[in-house]
Amino acid sequence: MLTIRLSRTGKTKQPYYRLIVSEKARDPWGVAVEILGNYNPRTKKADFDAERVRHWLSRGAQTSDTVWNLLLSLNLVEGKKRQIVPPPKKDETKKEAEPAAVS
């Protein structure tokens, strides 16, 4: 399945992203099917090829939640904003309790 997502290309503490189309299972820093534009979160400047984005969406490409919300803010797609939930943090209390139970 093809997905439209961001691939980070910036230096340390200077994020800069490319908007790419690639296979979902492939590495986002690997070979992309197509580069659709770029995004600089520091200046909030997004330069996307709107025609190509619509083309890939019509061909069935899925978007990541972040890209979907970004495309909504640029009025390239219509719909509701997706809630982005960060992954849960690992419990450090469980890690400390396990060695005590062993002894």
Protein backbone atom coordinates (compact mmCIF):
# COMPACT_ATOMS: atom_id res chain seq x y z
CA MET A 1 0.00 0.00 0.00
CA LEU A 2 1.29 3.45 -0.89
CA THR A 3 1.43 6.12 1.77
CA ILE A 4 2.09 9.86 1.72
CA ARG A 5 4.28 10.83 4.65
CA LEU A 6 7.07 13.10 5.83
CA SER A 7 10.74 12.20 5.65
CA ARG A 8 13.13 14.24 7.78
CA THR A 9 16.15 15.65 5.96
CA GLY A 10 17.26 18.54 8.19
CA LYS A 11 20.31 18.90 10.37
CA THR A 12 20.40 18.46 14.14
CA LYS A 13 17.87 20.78 15.79
CA GLN A 14 16.95 22.19 12.36
CA PRO A 15 14.10 19.99 11.14
CA TYR A 16 13.17 20.02 7.47
CA TYR A 17 10.90 17.48 5.84
CA ARG A 18 10.14 16.12 2.39
CA LEU A 19 6.63 15.03 1.51
CA ILE A 20 7.08 11.65 -0.18
CA VAL A 21 5.04 8.81 -1.63
CA SER A 22 6.43 5.39 -0.74
CA GLU A 23 5.41 1.90 0.25
CA LYS A 24 4.12 1.79 3.82
CA ALA A 25 6.54 -0.96 4.89
CA ARG A 26 9.62 0.76 3.43
CA ASP A 27 12.04 3.01 5.20
CA PRO A 28 10.98 6.70 4.91
CA TRP A 29 14.62 7.64 4.26
CA GLY A 30 14.95 5.11 1.46
CA VAL A 31 13.91 5.35 -2.16
CA ALA A 32 10.61 7.19 -2.63
CA VAL A 33 8.18 6.67 -5.50
CA GLU A 34 7.84 10.46 -5.81
CA ILE A 35 8.77 13.59 -3.85
CA LEU A 36 5.72 15.86 -3.64
CA GLY A 37 7.24 18.86 -1.90
CA ASN A 38 8.82 20.00 1.33
CA TYR A 39 7.87 21.44 4.71
CA ASN A 40 9.82 23.64 7.10
CA PRO A 41 8.20 23.52 10.57
CA ARG A 42 10.37 26.35 11.88
CA THR A 43 8.91 28.88 9.45
CA LYS A 44 5.66 26.90 8.91
CA LYS A 45 6.32 27.08 5.15
CA ALA A 46 4.87 24.21 3.14
CA ASP A 47 5.61 23.88 -0.57
CA PHE A 48 3.56 20.97 -1.96
CA ASP A 49 2.57 20.12 -5.52
CA ALA A 50 -1.21 20.17 -4.96
CA GLU A 51 -2.02 18.53 -8.28
CA ARG A 52 0.26 15.55 -7.58
CA VAL A 53 -1.04 15.20 -4.00
CA ARG A 54 -4.61 14.99 -5.31
CA HIS A 55 -3.45 12.55 -8.00
CA TRP A 56 -1.95 10.13 -5.46
CA LEU A 57 -4.96 10.43 -3.15
CA SER A 58 -7.25 9.56 -6.08
CA ARG A 59 -5.06 6.52 -6.82
CA GLY A 60 -5.69 5.22 -3.29
CA ALA A 61 -2.59 6.40 -1.42
CA GLN A 62 -3.12 6.79 2.34
CA THR A 63 -1.73 9.69 4.37
CA SER A 64 -0.13 9.72 7.78
CA ASP A 65 -2.11 11.59 10.45
CA THR A 66 0.39 14.46 10.49
CA VAL A 67 0.31 14.85 6.72
CA TRP A 68 -3.50 14.70 6.71
CA ASN A 69 -3.72 17.55 9.25
CA LEU A 70 -1.13 19.53 7.28
CA LEU A 71 -3.08 19.08 4.03
CA LEU A 72 -6.27 20.17 5.82
CA SER A 73 -4.62 23.38 7.00
CA LEU A 74 -3.57 24.11 3.39
CA ASN A 75 -7.12 23.32 2.10
CA LEU A 76 -5.86 20.55 -0.19
CA VAL A 77 -8.28 17.98 1.24
CA GLU A 78 -11.63 18.12 3.01
CA GLY A 79 -12.59 16.26 6.13
CA LYS A 80 -12.08 16.27 9.87
CA LYS A 81 -8.79 16.73 11.65
CA ARG A 82 -7.27 13.49 12.95
CA GLN A 83 -6.28 13.17 16.58
CA ILE A 84 -2.58 12.39 16.94
CA VAL A 85 -1.92 10.28 20.02
CA PRO A 86 1.69 9.88 21.17
CA PRO A 87 2.82 6.33 21.95
CA PRO A 88 2.49 5.35 25.63
CA LYS A 89 5.60 5.67 27.76
CA LYS A 90 7.02 2.55 29.35
CA ASP A 91 6.43 2.21 33.06
CA GLU A 92 9.71 2.52 34.95
CA THR A 93 8.08 1.36 38.18
CA LYS A 94 7.45 -2.07 36.66
CA LYS A 95 11.11 -2.36 35.63
CA GLU A 96 12.24 -1.63 39.18
CA ALA A 97 9.73 -4.07 40.70
CA GLU A 98 10.77 -7.02 38.52
CA PRO A 99 14.34 -7.44 39.89
CA ALA A 100 13.02 -7.25 43.47
CA ALA A 101 10.55 -10.06 42.78
CA VAL A 102 13.31 -12.32 41.41
CA SER A 103 15.46 -12.26 44.53
